[in-house]
Amino acid sequence: MKYLAPTVALLFILISGQTALAAGNPSRGLEKSQACQACHGKNGNEAVDQNTPILAGQHAGYLEYALKAYRSGDRQNALMNGFAGDLSDQDIADLAAWYSRQEGLVTPVIGNK
């Protein structure tokens, strides 16, 4: 029991540090998104075709997961593997922060009111 408080404190410090390191900067994400804009549009709402996803409004954690999977090759797409291959973890966090803060497209609900 005498080790509980120090253990909890240590865990809190470790978790806090991890969160701080992983935080993305949306302003830097906008700067880094230049290459992305050709297919996804400036704010991530302008897909060039039906196979290109809308990035705006997606959860940052999902965007980070997807970009890291493209970077590692666990997820395959010839263009995305090439683009993501050069991204650092901080680049990915910044891009995810930018696109997750953009207003996504709203799909109207059709049916009974």
PDB file of N, CA and C in Angstrom:
ATOM      1  N   MET A   1       0.815  -1.188   0.000  1.00  0.00           N
ATOM      2  CA  MET A   1       0.000   0.000   0.000  1.00  0.00           C
ATOM      3  C   MET A   1       0.862   1.256   0.000  1.00  0.00           C
ATOM      4  N   LYS A   2       2.047   1.190   0.639  1.00  0.00           N
ATOM      5  CA  LYS A   2       2.884   2.380   0.685  1.00  0.00           C
ATOM      6  C   LYS A   2       3.475   2.717  -0.681  1.00  0.00           C
ATOM      7  N   TYR A   3       3.423   1.781  -1.624  1.00  0.00           N
ATOM      8  CA  TYR A   3       3.943   2.027  -2.973  1.00  0.00           C
ATOM      9  C   TYR A   3       2.850   2.497  -3.941  1.00  0.00           C
ATOM     10  N   LEU A   4       1.612   2.493  -3.517  1.00  0.00           N
ATOM     11  CA  LEU A   4       0.510   2.842  -4.402  1.00  0.00           C
ATOM     12  C   LEU A   4       0.595   4.296  -4.872  1.00  0.00           C
ATOM     13  N   ALA A   5       0.774   5.232  -3.954  1.00  0.00           N
ATOM     14  CA  ALA A   5       0.817   6.650  -4.325  1.00  0.00           C
ATOM     15  C   ALA A   5       1.977   6.953  -5.282  1.00  0.00           C
ATOM     16  N   PRO A   6       3.208   6.494  -4.992  1.00  0.00           N
ATOM     17  CA  PRO A   6       4.292   6.761  -5.942  1.00  0.00           C
ATOM     18  C   PRO A   6       4.069   6.101  -7.305  1.00  0.00           C
ATOM     19  N   THR A   7       3.477   4.914  -7.315  1.00  0.00           N
ATOM     20  CA  THR A   7       3.210   4.217  -8.573  1.00  0.00           C
ATOM     21  C   THR A   7       2.188   4.981  -9.400  1.00  0.00           C
ATOM     22  N   VAL A   8       1.118   5.425  -8.745  1.00  0.00           N
ATOM     23  CA  VAL A   8       0.083   6.195  -9.441  1.00  0.00           C
ATOM     24  C   VAL A   8       0.671   7.499  -9.971  1.00  0.00           C
ATOM     25  N   ALA A   9       1.494   8.166  -9.155  1.00  0.00           N
ATOM     26  CA  ALA A   9       2.128   9.415  -9.584  1.00  0.00           C
ATOM     27  C   ALA A   9       3.025   9.183 -10.797  1.00  0.00           C
ATOM     28  N   LEU A  10       3.800   8.111 -10.777  1.00  0.00           N
ATOM     29  CA  LEU A  10       4.679   7.800 -11.896  1.00  0.00           C
ATOM     30  C   LEU A  10       3.871   7.515 -13.166  1.00  0.00           C
ATOM     31  N   LEU A  11       2.814   6.743 -13.053  1.00  0.00           N
ATOM     32  CA  LEU A  11       1.957   6.458 -14.199  1.00  0.00           C
ATOM     33  C   LEU A  11       1.361   7.741 -14.764  1.00  0.00           C
ATOM     34  N   PHE A  12       0.911   8.622 -13.898  1.00  0.00           N
ATOM     35  CA  PHE A  12       0.343   9.894 -14.339  1.00  0.00           C
ATOM     36  C   PHE A  12       1.376  10.705 -15.114  1.00  0.00           C
ATOM     37  N   ILE A  13       2.593  10.773 -14.622  1.00  0.00           N
ATOM     38  CA  ILE A  13       3.657  11.518 -15.293  1.00  0.00           C
ATOM     39  C   ILE A  13       3.957  10.905 -16.659  1.00  0.00           C
ATOM     40  N   LEU A  14       4.037   9.594 -16.717  1.00  0.00           N
ATOM     41  CA  LEU A  14       4.329   8.921 -17.983  1.00  0.00           C
ATOM     42  C   LEU A  14       3.225   9.145 -19.005  1.00  0.00           C
ATOM     43  N   ILE A  15       1.983   9.029 -18.576  1.00  0.00           N
ATOM     44  CA  ILE A  15       0.849   9.224 -19.479  1.00  0.00           C
ATOM     45  C   ILE A  15       0.789  10.671 -19.933  1.00  0.00           C
ATOM     46  N   SER A  16       0.995  11.612 -19.036  1.00  0.00           N
ATOM     47  CA  SER A  16       0.966  13.027 -19.394  1.00  0.00           C
ATOM     48  C   SER A  16       2.047  13.356 -20.406  1.00  0.00           C
ATOM     49  N   GLY A  17       3.226  12.825 -20.215  1.00  0.00           N
ATOM     50  CA  GLY A  17       4.321  13.060 -21.147  1.00  0.00           C
ATOM     51  C   GLY A  17       4.033  12.500 -22.518  1.00  0.00           C
ATOM     52  N   GLN A  18       3.447  11.320 -22.576  1.00  0.00           N
ATOM     53  CA  GLN A  18       3.100  10.688 -23.847  1.00  0.00           C
ATOM     54  C   GLN A  18       2.087  11.542 -24.595  1.00  0.00           C
ATOM     55  N   THR A  19       1.084  12.053 -23.887  1.00  0.00           N
ATOM     56  CA  THR A  19       0.065  12.878 -24.520  1.00  0.00           C
ATOM     57  C   THR A  19       0.666  14.163 -25.053  1.00  0.00           C
ATOM     58  N   ALA A  20       1.551  14.778 -24.274  1.00  0.00           N
ATOM     59  CA  ALA A  20       2.153  16.030 -24.703  1.00  0.00           C
ATOM     60  C   ALA A  20       3.008  15.832 -25.951  1.00  0.00           C
ATOM     61  N   LEU A  21       3.731  14.738 -26.042  1.00  0.00           N
ATOM     62  CA  LEU A  21       4.574  14.483 -27.200  1.00  0.00           C
ATOM     63  C   LEU A  21       3.747  14.191 -28.449  1.00  0.00           C
ATOM     64  N   ALA A  22       2.598  13.572 -28.270  1.00  0.00           N
ATOM     65  CA  ALA A  22       1.788  13.153 -29.405  1.00  0.00           C
ATOM     66  C   ALA A  22       0.847  14.247 -29.903  1.00  0.00           C
ATOM     67  N   ALA A  23       0.734  15.360 -29.180  1.00  0.00           N
ATOM     68  CA  ALA A  23      -0.207  16.407 -29.558  1.00  0.00           C
ATOM     69  C   ALA A  23       0.200  17.030 -30.882  1.00  0.00           C
ATOM     70  N   GLY A  24      -0.762  17.164 -31.767  1.00  0.00           N
ATOM     71  CA  GLY A  24      -0.498  17.769 -33.058  1.00  0.00           C
ATOM     72  C   GLY A  24      -0.783  19.261 -33.045  1.00  0.00           C
ATOM     73  N   ASN A  25      -0.131  19.964 -33.936  1.00  0.00           N
ATOM     74  CA  ASN A  25      -0.312  21.398 -34.085  1.00  0.00           C
ATOM     75  C   ASN A  25      -1.056  21.639 -35.394  1.00  0.00           C
ATOM     76  N   PRO A  26      -2.312  22.103 -35.332  1.00  0.00           N
ATOM     77  CA  PRO A  26      -3.084  22.277 -36.561  1.00  0.00           C
ATOM     78  C   PRO A  26      -2.468  23.288 -37.535  1.00  0.00           C
ATOM     79  N   SER A  27      -1.824  24.327 -37.020  1.00  0.00           N
ATOM     80  CA  SER A  27      -1.195  25.312 -37.911  1.00  0.00           C
ATOM     81  C   SER A  27      -0.072  24.674 -38.717  1.00  0.00           C
ATOM     82  N   ARG A  28       0.729  23.863 -38.047  1.00  0.00           N
ATOM     83  CA  ARG A  28       1.791  23.154 -38.771  1.00  0.00           C
ATOM     84  C   ARG A  28       1.183  22.111 -39.700  1.00  0.00           C
ATOM     85  N   GLY A  29       0.055  21.523 -39.291  1.00  0.00           N
ATOM     86  CA  GLY A  29      -0.623  20.563 -40.148  1.00  0.00           C
ATOM     87  C   GLY A  29      -1.076  21.192 -41.459  1.00  0.00           C
ATOM     88  N   LEU A  30      -1.600  22.428 -41.375  1.00  0.00           N
ATOM     89  CA  LEU A  30      -2.003  23.130 -42.596  1.00  0.00           C
ATOM     90  C   LEU A  30      -0.799  23.330 -43.505  1.00  0.00           C
ATOM     91  N   GLU A  31       0.322  23.752 -42.936  1.00  0.00           N
ATOM     92  CA  GLU A  31       1.536  23.952 -43.734  1.00  0.00           C
ATOM     93  C   GLU A  31       1.988  22.653 -44.392  1.00  0.00           C
ATOM     94  N   LYS A  32       1.874  21.549 -43.672  1.00  0.00           N
ATOM     95  CA  LYS A  32       2.341  20.253 -44.179  1.00  0.00           C
ATOM     96  C   LYS A  32       1.347  19.607 -45.138  1.00  0.00           C
ATOM     97  N   SER A  33       0.137  20.138 -45.224  1.00  0.00           N
ATOM     98  CA  SER A  33      -0.912  19.506 -46.023  1.00  0.00           C
ATOM     99  C   SER A  33      -0.854  19.865 -47.503  1.00  0.00           C
ATOM    100  N   GLN A  34       0.134  20.635 -47.925  1.00  0.00           N
ATOM    101  CA  GLN A  34       0.214  21.064 -49.323  1.00  0.00           C
ATOM    102  C   GLN A  34       0.146  19.887 -50.296  1.00  0.00           C
ATOM    103  N   ALA A  35       0.893  18.835 -50.032  1.00  0.00           N
ATOM    104  CA  ALA A  35       0.893  17.673 -50.933  1.00  0.00           C
ATOM    105  C   ALA A  35      -0.454  16.950 -50.905  1.00  0.00           C
ATOM    106  N   CYS A  36      -1.147  17.004 -49.780  1.00  0.00           N
ATOM    107  CA  CYS A  36      -2.428  16.310 -49.621  1.00  0.00           C
ATOM    108  C   CYS A  36      -3.540  16.994 -50.414  1.00  0.00           C
ATOM    109  N   GLN A  37      -3.395  18.301 -50.610  1.00  0.00           N
ATOM    110  CA  GLN A  37      -4.470  19.103 -51.181  1.00  0.00           C
ATOM    111  C   GLN A  37      -4.807  18.742 -52.620  1.00  0.00           C
ATOM    112  N   ALA A  38      -3.876  18.177 -53.358  1.00  0.00           N
ATOM    113  CA  ALA A  38      -4.144  17.813 -54.753  1.00  0.00           C
ATOM    114  C   ALA A  38      -5.265  16.784 -54.863  1.00  0.00           C
ATOM    115  N   CYS A  39      -5.339  15.877 -53.908  1.00  0.00           N
ATOM    116  CA  CYS A  39      -6.370  14.829 -53.947  1.00  0.00           C
ATOM    117  C   CYS A  39      -7.512  15.081 -52.960  1.00  0.00           C
ATOM    118  N   HIS A  40      -7.196  15.680 -51.804  1.00  0.00           N
ATOM    119  CA  HIS A  40      -8.192  15.821 -50.731  1.00  0.00           C
ATOM    120  C   HIS A  40      -8.754  17.230 -50.604  1.00  0.00           C
ATOM    121  N   GLY A  41      -8.209  18.201 -51.347  1.00  0.00           N
ATOM    122  CA  GLY A  41      -8.647  19.586 -51.251  1.00  0.00           C
ATOM    123  C   GLY A  41      -8.017  20.286 -50.061  1.00  0.00           C
ATOM    124  N   LYS A  42      -8.097  21.629 -50.055  1.00  0.00           N
ATOM    125  CA  LYS A  42      -7.428  22.414 -49.014  1.00  0.00           C
ATOM    126  C   LYS A  42      -7.876  22.040 -47.615  1.00  0.00           C
ATOM    127  N   ASN A  43      -9.167  21.877 -47.425  1.00  0.00           N
ATOM    128  CA  ASN A  43      -9.683  21.567 -46.091  1.00  0.00           C
ATOM    129  C   ASN A  43     -10.045  20.102 -45.907  1.00  0.00           C
ATOM    130  N   GLY A  44      -9.739  19.281 -46.901  1.00  0.00           N
ATOM    131  CA  GLY A  44     -10.023  17.848 -46.794  1.00  0.00           C
ATOM    132  C   GLY A  44     -11.427  17.465 -47.192  1.00  0.00           C
ATOM    133  N   ASN A  45     -12.145  18.376 -47.865  1.00  0.00           N
ATOM    134  CA  ASN A  45     -13.533  18.125 -48.265  1.00  0.00           C
ATOM    135  C   ASN A  45     -13.723  17.932 -49.761  1.00  0.00           C
ATOM    136  N   GLU A  46     -12.665  17.876 -50.532  1.00  0.00           N
ATOM    137  CA  GLU A  46     -12.796  17.869 -51.990  1.00  0.00           C
ATOM    138  C   GLU A  46     -12.076  16.669 -52.595  1.00  0.00           C
ATOM    139  N   ALA A  47     -12.658  15.514 -52.483  1.00  0.00           N
ATOM    140  CA  ALA A  47     -12.054  14.297 -53.041  1.00  0.00           C
ATOM    141  C   ALA A  47     -12.084  14.351 -54.567  1.00  0.00           C
ATOM    142  N   VAL A  48     -10.984  13.946 -55.206  1.00  0.00           N
ATOM    143  CA  VAL A  48     -10.902  13.979 -56.665  1.00  0.00           C
ATOM    144  C   VAL A  48     -11.718  12.869 -57.323  1.00  0.00           C
ATOM    145  N   ASP A  49     -12.010  11.805 -56.602  1.00  0.00           N
ATOM    146  CA  ASP A  49     -12.842  10.724 -57.131  1.00  0.00           C
ATOM    147  C   ASP A  49     -13.474   9.963 -55.962  1.00  0.00           C
ATOM    148  N   GLN A  50     -14.305   8.975 -56.272  1.00  0.00           N
ATOM    149  CA  GLN A  50     -15.016   8.243 -55.219  1.00  0.00           C
ATOM    150  C   GLN A  50     -14.110   7.356 -54.381  1.00  0.00           C
ATOM    151  N   ASN A  51     -12.878   7.152 -54.810  1.00  0.00           N
ATOM    152  CA  ASN A  51     -11.944   6.324 -54.042  1.00  0.00           C
ATOM    153  C   ASN A  51     -11.068   7.138 -53.084  1.00  0.00           C
ATOM    154  N   THR A  52     -11.200   8.451 -53.140  1.00  0.00           N
ATOM    155  CA  THR A  52     -10.402   9.333 -52.285  1.00  0.00           C
ATOM    156  C   THR A  52     -11.268   9.755 -51.097  1.00  0.00           C
ATOM    157  N   PRO A  53     -10.827   9.472 -49.889  1.00  0.00           N
ATOM    158  CA  PRO A  53     -11.668   9.786 -48.728  1.00  0.00           C
ATOM    159  C   PRO A  53     -11.690  11.273 -48.382  1.00  0.00           C
ATOM    160  N   ILE A  54     -12.790  11.683 -47.783  1.00  0.00           N
ATOM    161  CA  ILE A  54     -12.924  13.007 -47.189  1.00  0.00           C
ATOM    162  C   ILE A  54     -12.196  12.946 -45.847  1.00  0.00           C
ATOM    163  N   LEU A  55     -11.257  13.844 -45.628  1.00  0.00           N
ATOM    164  CA  LEU A  55     -10.478  13.840 -44.385  1.00  0.00           C
ATOM    165  C   LEU A  55     -11.053  14.783 -43.335  1.00  0.00           C
ATOM    166  N   ALA A  56     -11.707  15.832 -43.775  1.00  0.00           N
ATOM    167  CA  ALA A  56     -12.216  16.848 -42.845  1.00  0.00           C
ATOM    168  C   ALA A  56     -13.184  16.237 -41.847  1.00  0.00           C
ATOM    169  N   GLY A  57     -12.980  16.579 -40.584  1.00  0.00           N
ATOM    170  CA  GLY A  57     -13.882  16.128 -39.537  1.00  0.00           C
ATOM    171  C   GLY A  57     -13.641  14.712 -39.048  1.00  0.00           C
ATOM    172  N   GLN A  58     -12.688  14.003 -39.650  1.00  0.00           N
ATOM    173  CA  GLN A  58     -12.377  12.657 -39.167  1.00  0.00           C
ATOM    174  C   GLN A  58     -11.697  12.749 -37.802  1.00  0.00           C
ATOM    175  N   HIS A  59     -11.838  11.735 -37.004  1.00  0.00           N
ATOM    176  CA  HIS A  59     -11.203  11.700 -35.679  1.00  0.00           C
ATOM    177  C   HIS A  59      -9.687  11.677 -35.852  1.00  0.00           C
ATOM    178  N   ALA A  60      -8.985  12.514 -35.090  1.00  0.00           N
ATOM    179  CA  ALA A  60      -7.520  12.611 -35.205  1.00  0.00           C
ATOM    180  C   ALA A  60      -6.848  11.259 -34.994  1.00  0.00           C
ATOM    181  N   GLY A  61      -7.338  10.473 -34.044  1.00  0.00           N
ATOM    182  CA  GLY A  61      -6.747   9.162 -33.784  1.00  0.00           C
ATOM    183  C   GLY A  61      -6.848   8.241 -34.981  1.00  0.00           C
ATOM    184  N   TYR A  62      -7.970   8.303 -35.686  1.00  0.00           N
ATOM    185  CA  TYR A  62      -8.127   7.479 -36.882  1.00  0.00           C
ATOM    186  C   TYR A  62      -7.164   7.936 -37.983  1.00  0.00           C
ATOM    187  N   LEU A  63      -7.066   9.252 -38.182  1.00  0.00           N
ATOM    188  CA  LEU A  63      -6.163   9.771 -39.211  1.00  0.00           C
ATOM    189  C   LEU A  63      -4.716   9.386 -38.919  1.00  0.00           C
ATOM    190  N   GLU A  64      -4.318   9.466 -37.650  1.00  0.00           N
ATOM    191  CA  GLU A  64      -2.959   9.058 -37.274  1.00  0.00           C
ATOM    192  C   GLU A  64      -2.752   7.570 -37.541  1.00  0.00           C
ATOM    193  N   TYR A  65      -3.729   6.767 -37.148  1.00  0.00           N
ATOM    194  CA  TYR A  65      -3.645   5.318 -37.365  1.00  0.00           C
ATOM    195  C   TYR A  65      -3.485   5.008 -38.860  1.00  0.00           C
ATOM    196  N   ALA A  66      -4.316   5.650 -39.688  1.00  0.00           N
ATOM    197  CA  ALA A  66      -4.282   5.380 -41.131  1.00  0.00           C
ATOM    198  C   ALA A  66      -2.948   5.798 -41.739  1.00  0.00           C
ATOM    199  N   LEU A  67      -2.466   6.999 -41.391  1.00  0.00           N
ATOM    200  CA  LEU A  67      -1.201   7.461 -41.964  1.00  0.00           C
ATOM    201  C   LEU A  67      -0.028   6.584 -41.523  1.00  0.00           C
ATOM    202  N   LYS A  68      -0.034   6.155 -40.276  1.00  0.00           N
ATOM    203  CA  LYS A  68       1.045   5.276 -39.802  1.00  0.00           C
ATOM    204  C   LYS A  68       0.974   3.914 -40.491  1.00  0.00           C
ATOM    205  N   ALA A  69      -0.243   3.450 -40.766  1.00  0.00           N
ATOM    206  CA  ALA A  69      -0.387   2.173 -41.478  1.00  0.00           C
ATOM    207  C   ALA A  69       0.096   2.291 -42.918  1.00  0.00           C
ATOM    208  N   TYR A  70      -0.179   3.427 -43.569  1.00  0.00           N
ATOM    209  CA  TYR A  70       0.366   3.647 -44.917  1.00  0.00           C
ATOM    210  C   TYR A  70       1.883   3.721 -44.867  1.00  0.00           C
ATOM    211  N   ARG A  71       2.410   4.416 -43.871  1.00  0.00           N
ATOM    212  CA  ARG A  71       3.861   4.579 -43.749  1.00  0.00           C
ATOM    213  C   ARG A  71       4.559   3.231 -43.561  1.00  0.00           C
ATOM    214  N   SER A  72       3.977   2.373 -42.734  1.00  0.00           N
ATOM    215  CA  SER A  72       4.605   1.076 -42.454  1.00  0.00           C
ATOM    216  C   SER A  72       4.356   0.048 -43.552  1.00  0.00           C
ATOM    217  N   GLY A  73       3.375   0.303 -44.405  1.00  0.00           N
ATOM    218  CA  GLY A  73       3.027  -0.654 -45.445  1.00  0.00           C
ATOM    219  C   GLY A  73       1.931  -1.619 -45.025  1.00  0.00           C
ATOM    220  N   ASP A  74       1.431  -1.483 -43.777  1.00  0.00           N
ATOM    221  CA  ASP A  74       0.332  -2.343 -43.335  1.00  0.00           C
ATOM    222  C   ASP A  74      -0.954  -2.044 -44.100  1.00  0.00           C
ATOM    223  N   ARG A  75      -1.067  -0.843 -44.615  1.00  0.00           N
ATOM    224  CA  ARG A  75      -2.207  -0.445 -45.432  1.00  0.00           C
ATOM    225  C   ARG A  75      -1.634  -0.065 -46.796  1.00  0.00           C
ATOM    226  N   GLN A  76      -2.216  -0.592 -47.856  1.00  0.00           N
ATOM    227  CA  GLN A  76      -1.632  -0.431 -49.185  1.00  0.00           C
ATOM    228  C   GLN A  76      -2.414   0.539 -50.074  1.00  0.00           C
ATOM    229  N   ASN A  77      -1.708   1.507 -50.597  1.00  0.00           N
ATOM    230  CA  ASN A  77      -2.173   2.403 -51.645  1.00  0.00           C
ATOM    231  C   ASN A  77      -0.904   3.022 -52.225  1.00  0.00           C
ATOM    232  N   ALA A  78      -0.702   2.873 -53.527  1.00  0.00           N
ATOM    233  CA  ALA A  78       0.562   3.290 -54.140  1.00  0.00           C
ATOM    234  C   ALA A  78       0.898   4.749 -53.850  1.00  0.00           C
ATOM    235  N   LEU A  79      -0.070   5.640 -53.969  1.00  0.00           N
ATOM    236  CA  LEU A  79       0.188   7.056 -53.702  1.00  0.00           C
ATOM    237  C   LEU A  79       0.420   7.320 -52.224  1.00  0.00           C
ATOM    238  N   MET A  80      -0.473   6.799 -51.392  1.00  0.00           N
ATOM    239  CA  MET A  80      -0.393   7.103 -49.960  1.00  0.00           C
ATOM    240  C   MET A  80       0.833   6.482 -49.303  1.00  0.00           C
ATOM    241  N   ASN A  81       1.233   5.297 -49.734  1.00  0.00           N
ATOM    242  CA  ASN A  81       2.449   4.701 -49.171  1.00  0.00           C
ATOM    243  C   ASN A  81       3.659   5.587 -49.448  1.00  0.00           C
ATOM    244  N   GLY A  82       3.707   6.172 -50.643  1.00  0.00           N
ATOM    245  CA  GLY A  82       4.801   7.059 -50.989  1.00  0.00           C
ATOM    246  C   GLY A  82       4.787   8.351 -50.187  1.00  0.00           C
ATOM    247  N   PHE A  83       3.605   8.980 -50.083  1.00  0.00           N
ATOM    248  CA  PHE A  83       3.511  10.238 -49.336  1.00  0.00           C
ATOM    249  C   PHE A  83       3.774  10.024 -47.852  1.00  0.00           C
ATOM    250  N   ALA A  84       3.154   9.014 -47.278  1.00  0.00           N
ATOM    251  CA  ALA A  84       3.281   8.782 -45.835  1.00  0.00           C
ATOM    252  C   ALA A  84       4.664   8.289 -45.448  1.00  0.00           C
ATOM    253  N   GLY A  85       5.364   7.684 -46.386  1.00  0.00           N
ATOM    254  CA  GLY A  85       6.685   7.141 -46.087  1.00  0.00           C
ATOM    255  C   GLY A  85       7.682   8.172 -45.587  1.00  0.00           C
ATOM    256  N   ASP A  86       7.480   9.419 -45.954  1.00  0.00           N
ATOM    257  CA  ASP A  86       8.394  10.487 -45.549  1.00  0.00           C
ATOM    258  C   ASP A  86       7.933  11.252 -44.315  1.00  0.00           C
ATOM    259  N   LEU A  87       6.789  10.883 -43.743  1.00  0.00           N
ATOM    260  CA  LEU A  87       6.248  11.628 -42.601  1.00  0.00           C
ATOM    261  C   LEU A  87       6.804  11.124 -41.275  1.00  0.00           C
ATOM    262  N   SER A  88       7.146  12.046 -40.403  1.00  0.00           N
ATOM    263  CA  SER A  88       7.537  11.692 -39.032  1.00  0.00           C
ATOM    264  C   SER A  88       6.272  11.534 -38.196  1.00  0.00           C
ATOM    265  N   ASP A  89       6.410  11.011 -36.986  1.00  0.00           N
ATOM    266  CA  ASP A  89       5.263  10.911 -36.088  1.00  0.00           C
ATOM    267  C   ASP A  89       4.670  12.289 -35.816  1.00  0.00           C
ATOM    268  N   GLN A  90       5.527  13.313 -35.683  1.00  0.00           N
ATOM    269  CA  GLN A  90       5.031  14.665 -35.429  1.00  0.00           C
ATOM    270  C   GLN A  90       4.302  15.217 -36.647  1.00  0.00           C
ATOM    271  N   ASP A  91       4.812  14.951 -37.853  1.00  0.00           N
ATOM    272  CA  ASP A  91       4.122  15.361 -39.076  1.00  0.00           C
ATOM    273  C   ASP A  91       2.717  14.766 -39.107  1.00  0.00           C
ATOM    274  N   ILE A  92       2.626  13.487 -38.786  1.00  0.00           N
ATOM    275  CA  ILE A  92       1.341  12.791 -38.794  1.00  0.00           C
ATOM    276  C   ILE A  92       0.401  13.385 -37.764  1.00  0.00           C
ATOM    277  N   ALA A  93       0.896  13.653 -36.562  1.00  0.00           N
ATOM    278  CA  ALA A  93       0.064  14.260 -35.516  1.00  0.00           C
ATOM    279  C   ALA A  93      -0.411  15.644 -35.950  1.00  0.00           C
ATOM    280  N   ASP A  94       0.450  16.417 -36.593  1.00  0.00           N
ATOM    281  CA  ASP A  94       0.076  17.758 -37.054  1.00  0.00           C
ATOM    282  C   ASP A  94      -0.988  17.690 -38.139  1.00  0.00           C
ATOM    283  N   LEU A  95      -0.805  16.801 -39.111  1.00  0.00           N
ATOM    284  CA  LEU A  95      -1.811  16.642 -40.166  1.00  0.00           C
ATOM    285  C   LEU A  95      -3.147  16.181 -39.596  1.00  0.00           C
ATOM    286  N   ALA A  96      -3.104  15.241 -38.677  1.00  0.00           N
ATOM    287  CA  ALA A  96      -4.338  14.751 -38.045  1.00  0.00           C
ATOM    288  C   ALA A  96      -5.030  15.869 -37.276  1.00  0.00           C
ATOM    289  N   ALA A  97      -4.251  16.701 -36.596  1.00  0.00           N
ATOM    290  CA  ALA A  97      -4.832  17.827 -35.853  1.00  0.00           C
ATOM    291  C   ALA A  97      -5.509  18.810 -36.806  1.00  0.00           C
ATOM    292  N   TRP A  98      -4.883  19.092 -37.933  1.00  0.00           N
ATOM    293  CA  TRP A  98      -5.465  20.018 -38.918  1.00  0.00           C
ATOM    294  C   TRP A  98      -6.768  19.466 -39.490  1.00  0.00           C
ATOM    295  N   TYR A  99      -6.714  18.260 -40.060  1.00  0.00           N
ATOM    296  CA  TYR A  99      -7.900  17.726 -40.728  1.00  0.00           C
ATOM    297  C   TYR A  99      -9.037  17.411 -39.752  1.00  0.00           C
ATOM    298  N   SER A 100      -8.726  16.993 -38.548  1.00  0.00           N
ATOM    299  CA  SER A 100      -9.792  16.678 -37.586  1.00  0.00           C
ATOM    300  C   SER A 100     -10.537  17.918 -37.129  1.00  0.00           C
ATOM    301  N   ARG A 101      -9.924  19.085 -37.258  1.00  0.00           N
ATOM    302  CA  ARG A 101     -10.552  20.333 -36.830  1.00  0.00           C
ATOM    303  C   ARG A 101     -11.323  21.022 -37.959  1.00  0.00           C
ATOM    304  N   GLN A 102     -11.287  20.465 -39.156  1.00  0.00           N
ATOM    305  CA  GLN A 102     -12.024  21.039 -40.271  1.00  0.00           C
ATOM    306  C   GLN A 102     -13.466  20.533 -40.246  1.00  0.00           C
ATOM    307  N   GLU A 103     -14.365  21.370 -40.711  1.00  0.00           N
ATOM    308  CA  GLU A 103     -15.768  20.971 -40.730  1.00  0.00           C
ATOM    309  C   GLU A 103     -15.988  19.952 -41.836  1.00  0.00           C
ATOM    310  N   GLY A 104     -16.487  18.788 -41.462  1.00  0.00           N
ATOM    311  CA  GLY A 104     -16.736  17.734 -42.432  1.00  0.00           C
ATOM    312  C   GLY A 104     -18.026  17.960 -43.185  1.00  0.00           C
ATOM    313  N   LEU A 105     -18.217  17.199 -44.222  1.00  0.00           N
ATOM    314  CA  LEU A 105     -19.450  17.277 -44.986  1.00  0.00           C
ATOM    315  C   LEU A 105     -20.601  16.704 -44.175  1.00  0.00           C
ATOM    316  N   VAL A 106     -21.761  17.283 -44.350  1.00  0.00           N
ATOM    317  CA  VAL A 106     -22.948  16.811 -43.650  1.00  0.00           C
ATOM    318  C   VAL A 106     -23.800  16.049 -44.649  1.00  0.00           C
ATOM    319  N   THR A 107     -24.157  14.839 -44.294  1.00  0.00           N
ATOM    320  CA  THR A 107     -25.019  14.021 -45.142  1.00  0.00           C
ATOM    321  C   THR A 107     -26.458  14.195 -44.672  1.00  0.00           C
ATOM    322  N   PRO A 108     -27.329  14.674 -45.548  1.00  0.00           N
ATOM    323  CA  PRO A 108     -28.719  14.868 -45.126  1.00  0.00           C
ATOM    324  C   PRO A 108     -29.400  13.525 -44.866  1.00  0.00           C
ATOM    325  N   VAL A 109     -30.290  13.526 -43.906  1.00  0.00           N
ATOM    326  CA  VAL A 109     -31.064  12.333 -43.585  1.00  0.00           C
ATOM    327  C   VAL A 109     -32.374  12.412 -44.346  1.00  0.00           C
ATOM    328  N   ILE A 110     -32.662  11.366 -45.099  1.00  0.00           N
ATOM    329  CA  ILE A 110     -33.896  11.322 -45.873  1.00  0.00           C
ATOM    330  C   ILE A 110     -34.812  10.307 -45.215  1.00  0.00           C
ATOM    331  N   GLY A 111     -36.034  10.704 -44.992  1.00  0.00           N
ATOM    332  CA  GLY A 111     -36.970   9.782 -44.376  1.00  0.00           C
ATOM    333  C   GLY A 111     -38.085  10.530 -43.662  1.00  0.00           C
ATOM    334  N   ASN A 112     -38.774   9.820 -42.800  1.00  0.00           N
ATOM    335  CA  ASN A 112     -39.883  10.424 -42.058  1.00  0.00           C
ATOM    336  C   ASN A 112     -39.367  11.434 -41.052  1.00  0.00           C
ATOM    337  N   LYS A 113     -40.166  12.469 -40.873  1.00  0.00           N
ATOM    338  CA  LYS A 113     -39.787  13.494 -39.888  1.00  0.00           C
ATOM    339  C   LYS A 113     -40.515  13.298 -38.603  1.00  0.00           C
TER     340      LYS A 113
END
